[in-house]
Amino acid sequence: MHDARDVEDTRLLEAKRHAELLATYYPVVVDRCRLVLPDSDAYEVAHNVAERLLRELVAGKTYGVPFRVVVHKVIDWKIKE
C-alpha cells in the first residue's frame, strides 16, 4: 500500500499540486492530533501542521524520505510544541 501512496505523492509533488497532496493527508493529521489532544487544540495543531507543510512545499523544499514520513514527523513535532 505504501508503494502506491508514495508513487501518487511523488506525482503530486512533481506537478506542484500541493493542495491536493495535503488534502489526502489532512484526515490523518486531524486523527493523530485528536488521539492525544483535546479537540480544540487538535484542530489548531492540525492547522499548524498543514500550514508548515504547505509553506515548505511552496518554497520548493525536497525530502530524502517519502512524503508520508515527513507528514508524520511534522505531526510529532507540532504536537510537542
N, C-alpha and C. Protein backbone atom coordinates (compact mmCIF):
# COMPACT_ATOMS: atom_id res chain seq x y z
N MET A 1 0.82 -1.19 0.00
CA MET A 1 0.00 0.00 0.00
C MET A 1 0.87 1.26 0.00
N HIS A 2 1.93 1.25 0.78
CA HIS A 2 2.78 2.44 0.84
C HIS A 2 3.37 2.76 -0.53
N ASP A 3 3.70 1.72 -1.30
CA ASP A 3 4.31 1.98 -2.61
C ASP A 3 3.39 2.79 -3.50
N ALA A 4 2.11 2.42 -3.55
CA ALA A 4 1.16 3.15 -4.40
C ALA A 4 0.98 4.58 -3.89
N ARG A 5 0.89 4.74 -2.58
CA ARG A 5 0.74 6.08 -1.99
C ARG A 5 1.97 6.92 -2.28
N ASP A 6 3.15 6.32 -2.15
CA ASP A 6 4.39 7.05 -2.41
C ASP A 6 4.48 7.47 -3.88
N VAL A 7 4.06 6.60 -4.79
CA VAL A 7 4.07 6.94 -6.21
C VAL A 7 3.13 8.11 -6.47
N GLU A 8 1.94 8.06 -5.91
CA GLU A 8 0.98 9.15 -6.08
C GLU A 8 1.50 10.45 -5.46
N ASP A 9 2.10 10.35 -4.28
CA ASP A 9 2.67 11.54 -3.64
C ASP A 9 3.75 12.16 -4.52
N THR A 10 4.61 11.34 -5.07
CA THR A 10 5.68 11.84 -5.94
C THR A 10 5.09 12.53 -7.16
N ARG A 11 4.06 11.94 -7.74
CA ARG A 11 3.40 12.54 -8.90
C ARG A 11 2.83 13.92 -8.55
N LEU A 12 2.15 14.00 -7.41
CA LEU A 12 1.56 15.28 -6.99
C LEU A 12 2.64 16.31 -6.66
N LEU A 13 3.72 15.87 -6.03
CA LEU A 13 4.82 16.78 -5.73
C LEU A 13 5.44 17.34 -7.00
N GLU A 14 5.69 16.47 -7.96
CA GLU A 14 6.31 16.90 -9.22
C GLU A 14 5.40 17.85 -10.00
N ALA A 15 4.09 17.65 -9.88
CA ALA A 15 3.12 18.51 -10.58
C ALA A 15 2.81 19.77 -9.78
N LYS A 16 3.42 19.89 -8.61
CA LYS A 16 3.19 21.03 -7.71
C LYS A 16 1.71 21.17 -7.33
N ARG A 17 1.06 20.03 -7.17
CA ARG A 17 -0.35 20.00 -6.76
C ARG A 17 -0.39 19.85 -5.24
N HIS A 18 0.14 20.87 -4.57
CA HIS A 18 0.33 20.82 -3.12
C HIS A 18 -0.98 20.72 -2.35
N ALA A 19 -1.98 21.48 -2.75
CA ALA A 19 -3.26 21.44 -2.03
C ALA A 19 -3.88 20.06 -2.09
N GLU A 20 -3.83 19.45 -3.25
CA GLU A 20 -4.38 18.09 -3.40
C GLU A 20 -3.60 17.09 -2.55
N LEU A 21 -2.29 17.23 -2.55
CA LEU A 21 -1.45 16.34 -1.74
C LEU A 21 -1.78 16.48 -0.26
N LEU A 22 -1.83 17.71 0.22
CA LEU A 22 -2.13 17.93 1.63
C LEU A 22 -3.54 17.47 1.99
N ALA A 23 -4.47 17.64 1.09
CA ALA A 23 -5.86 17.21 1.35
C ALA A 23 -5.94 15.71 1.58
N THR A 24 -5.08 14.94 0.93
CA THR A 24 -5.11 13.49 1.14
C THR A 24 -4.64 13.10 2.54
N TYR A 25 -3.79 13.91 3.12
CA TYR A 25 -3.25 13.61 4.45
C TYR A 25 -3.99 14.30 5.59
N TYR A 26 -4.79 15.31 5.29
CA TYR A 26 -5.40 16.09 6.37
C TYR A 26 -6.23 15.25 7.34
N PRO A 27 -7.05 14.30 6.88
CA PRO A 27 -7.80 13.47 7.84
C PRO A 27 -6.88 12.70 8.80
N VAL A 28 -5.77 12.22 8.31
CA VAL A 28 -4.80 11.51 9.15
C VAL A 28 -4.19 12.46 10.17
N VAL A 29 -3.86 13.66 9.72
CA VAL A 29 -3.28 14.66 10.62
C VAL A 29 -4.25 14.96 11.75
N VAL A 30 -5.50 15.22 11.41
CA VAL A 30 -6.50 15.52 12.43
C VAL A 30 -6.68 14.34 13.38
N ASP A 31 -6.80 13.14 12.84
CA ASP A 31 -6.99 11.96 13.69
C ASP A 31 -5.83 11.77 14.66
N ARG A 32 -4.61 11.90 14.17
CA ARG A 32 -3.45 11.74 15.06
C ARG A 32 -3.44 12.80 16.15
N CYS A 33 -3.78 14.03 15.80
CA CYS A 33 -3.81 15.10 16.80
C CYS A 33 -4.91 14.85 17.82
N ARG A 34 -6.06 14.39 17.37
CA ARG A 34 -7.19 14.16 18.28
C ARG A 34 -6.93 12.99 19.23
N LEU A 35 -6.02 12.11 18.88
CA LEU A 35 -5.69 10.99 19.77
C LEU A 35 -5.02 11.46 21.05
N VAL A 36 -4.30 12.58 20.98
CA VAL A 36 -3.50 13.00 22.14
C VAL A 36 -3.85 14.38 22.68
N LEU A 37 -4.71 15.11 21.98
CA LEU A 37 -5.04 16.47 22.38
C LEU A 37 -6.55 16.66 22.46
N PRO A 38 -7.00 17.60 23.29
CA PRO A 38 -8.43 17.96 23.26
C PRO A 38 -8.78 18.49 21.87
N ASP A 39 -10.04 18.31 21.47
CA ASP A 39 -10.45 18.71 20.11
C ASP A 39 -10.06 20.13 19.75
N SER A 40 -10.27 21.07 20.65
CA SER A 40 -9.96 22.47 20.32
C SER A 40 -8.47 22.64 19.99
N ASP A 41 -7.62 21.97 20.73
CA ASP A 41 -6.18 22.03 20.47
C ASP A 41 -5.81 21.19 19.25
N ALA A 42 -6.46 20.06 19.08
CA ALA A 42 -6.14 19.16 17.98
C ALA A 42 -6.32 19.85 16.63
N TYR A 43 -7.41 20.57 16.47
CA TYR A 43 -7.65 21.24 15.19
C TYR A 43 -6.66 22.38 14.96
N GLU A 44 -6.27 23.05 16.00
CA GLU A 44 -5.27 24.11 15.86
C GLU A 44 -3.92 23.53 15.45
N VAL A 45 -3.53 22.44 16.10
CA VAL A 45 -2.26 21.79 15.76
C VAL A 45 -2.32 21.23 14.34
N ALA A 46 -3.43 20.63 13.97
CA ALA A 46 -3.58 20.10 12.61
C ALA A 46 -3.42 21.23 11.58
N HIS A 47 -4.00 22.37 11.88
CA HIS A 47 -3.85 23.53 11.00
C HIS A 47 -2.37 23.93 10.90
N ASN A 48 -1.68 23.94 12.03
CA ASN A 48 -0.26 24.31 12.05
C ASN A 48 0.58 23.32 11.24
N VAL A 49 0.23 22.05 11.32
CA VAL A 49 0.93 21.03 10.53
C VAL A 49 0.74 21.32 9.04
N ALA A 50 -0.50 21.51 8.63
CA ALA A 50 -0.79 21.76 7.22
C ALA A 50 -0.11 23.04 6.73
N GLU A 51 -0.14 24.06 7.57
CA GLU A 51 0.48 25.33 7.21
C GLU A 51 1.99 25.17 7.01
N ARG A 52 2.63 24.46 7.91
CA ARG A 52 4.08 24.26 7.78
C ARG A 52 4.41 23.46 6.53
N LEU A 53 3.67 22.37 6.30
CA LEU A 53 3.94 21.56 5.12
C LEU A 53 3.73 22.36 3.84
N LEU A 54 2.66 23.13 3.78
CA LEU A 54 2.39 23.93 2.59
C LEU A 54 3.49 24.97 2.38
N ARG A 55 3.89 25.62 3.43
CA ARG A 55 4.96 26.63 3.34
C ARG A 55 6.24 25.99 2.78
N GLU A 56 6.59 24.81 3.28
CA GLU A 56 7.80 24.13 2.81
C GLU A 56 7.66 23.72 1.35
N LEU A 57 6.50 23.20 0.98
CA LEU A 57 6.29 22.75 -0.39
C LEU A 57 6.36 23.92 -1.37
N VAL A 58 5.71 25.01 -1.04
CA VAL A 58 5.71 26.19 -1.91
C VAL A 58 7.13 26.74 -2.06
N ALA A 59 7.92 26.64 -1.00
CA ALA A 59 9.31 27.12 -1.04
C ALA A 59 10.22 26.18 -1.83
N GLY A 60 9.70 25.01 -2.22
CA GLY A 60 10.49 24.08 -3.02
C GLY A 60 11.32 23.10 -2.23
N LYS A 61 11.04 22.97 -0.95
CA LYS A 61 11.80 22.04 -0.12
C LYS A 61 11.60 20.62 -0.64
N THR A 62 12.68 19.86 -0.63
CA THR A 62 12.61 18.45 -1.01
C THR A 62 13.01 17.61 0.19
N TYR A 63 12.60 16.36 0.17
CA TYR A 63 12.82 15.48 1.31
C TYR A 63 13.50 14.20 0.84
N GLY A 64 14.35 13.66 1.69
CA GLY A 64 15.05 12.42 1.37
C GLY A 64 14.29 11.17 1.78
N VAL A 65 13.08 11.36 2.23
CA VAL A 65 12.22 10.24 2.65
C VAL A 65 10.86 10.44 1.99
N PRO A 66 10.02 9.40 1.96
CA PRO A 66 8.68 9.57 1.40
C PRO A 66 7.91 10.67 2.12
N PHE A 67 7.03 11.34 1.39
CA PHE A 67 6.28 12.45 1.96
C PHE A 67 5.46 12.01 3.16
N ARG A 68 4.94 10.79 3.15
CA ARG A 68 4.14 10.30 4.29
C ARG A 68 4.97 10.31 5.57
N VAL A 69 6.25 10.04 5.47
CA VAL A 69 7.13 10.06 6.64
C VAL A 69 7.28 11.49 7.14
N VAL A 70 7.44 12.42 6.22
CA VAL A 70 7.55 13.83 6.58
C VAL A 70 6.29 14.28 7.32
N VAL A 71 5.14 13.91 6.79
CA VAL A 71 3.87 14.29 7.42
C VAL A 71 3.82 13.82 8.86
N HIS A 72 4.14 12.57 9.09
CA HIS A 72 4.05 12.03 10.46
C HIS A 72 5.10 12.63 11.39
N LYS A 73 6.27 12.95 10.88
CA LYS A 73 7.28 13.61 11.72
C LYS A 73 6.84 15.03 12.08
N VAL A 74 6.29 15.76 11.13
CA VAL A 74 5.82 17.11 11.43
C VAL A 74 4.69 17.06 12.45
N ILE A 75 3.81 16.08 12.34
CA ILE A 75 2.75 15.91 13.35
C ILE A 75 3.39 15.73 14.72
N ASP A 76 4.35 14.84 14.82
CA ASP A 76 5.04 14.59 16.11
C ASP A 76 5.62 15.89 16.67
N TRP A 77 6.33 16.64 15.84
CA TRP A 77 6.98 17.86 16.30
C TRP A 77 5.97 18.91 16.74
N LYS A 78 4.91 19.07 15.96
CA LYS A 78 3.91 20.10 16.28
C LYS A 78 3.12 19.75 17.54
N ILE A 79 2.87 18.49 17.77
CA ILE A 79 2.17 18.08 19.00
C ILE A 79 3.02 18.42 20.22
N LYS A 80 4.33 18.28 20.09
CA LYS A 80 5.22 18.52 21.23
C LYS A 80 5.45 20.01 21.49
N GLU A 81 5.14 20.87 20.53
CA GLU A 81 5.41 22.31 20.70
C GLU A 81 4.57 22.89 21.79
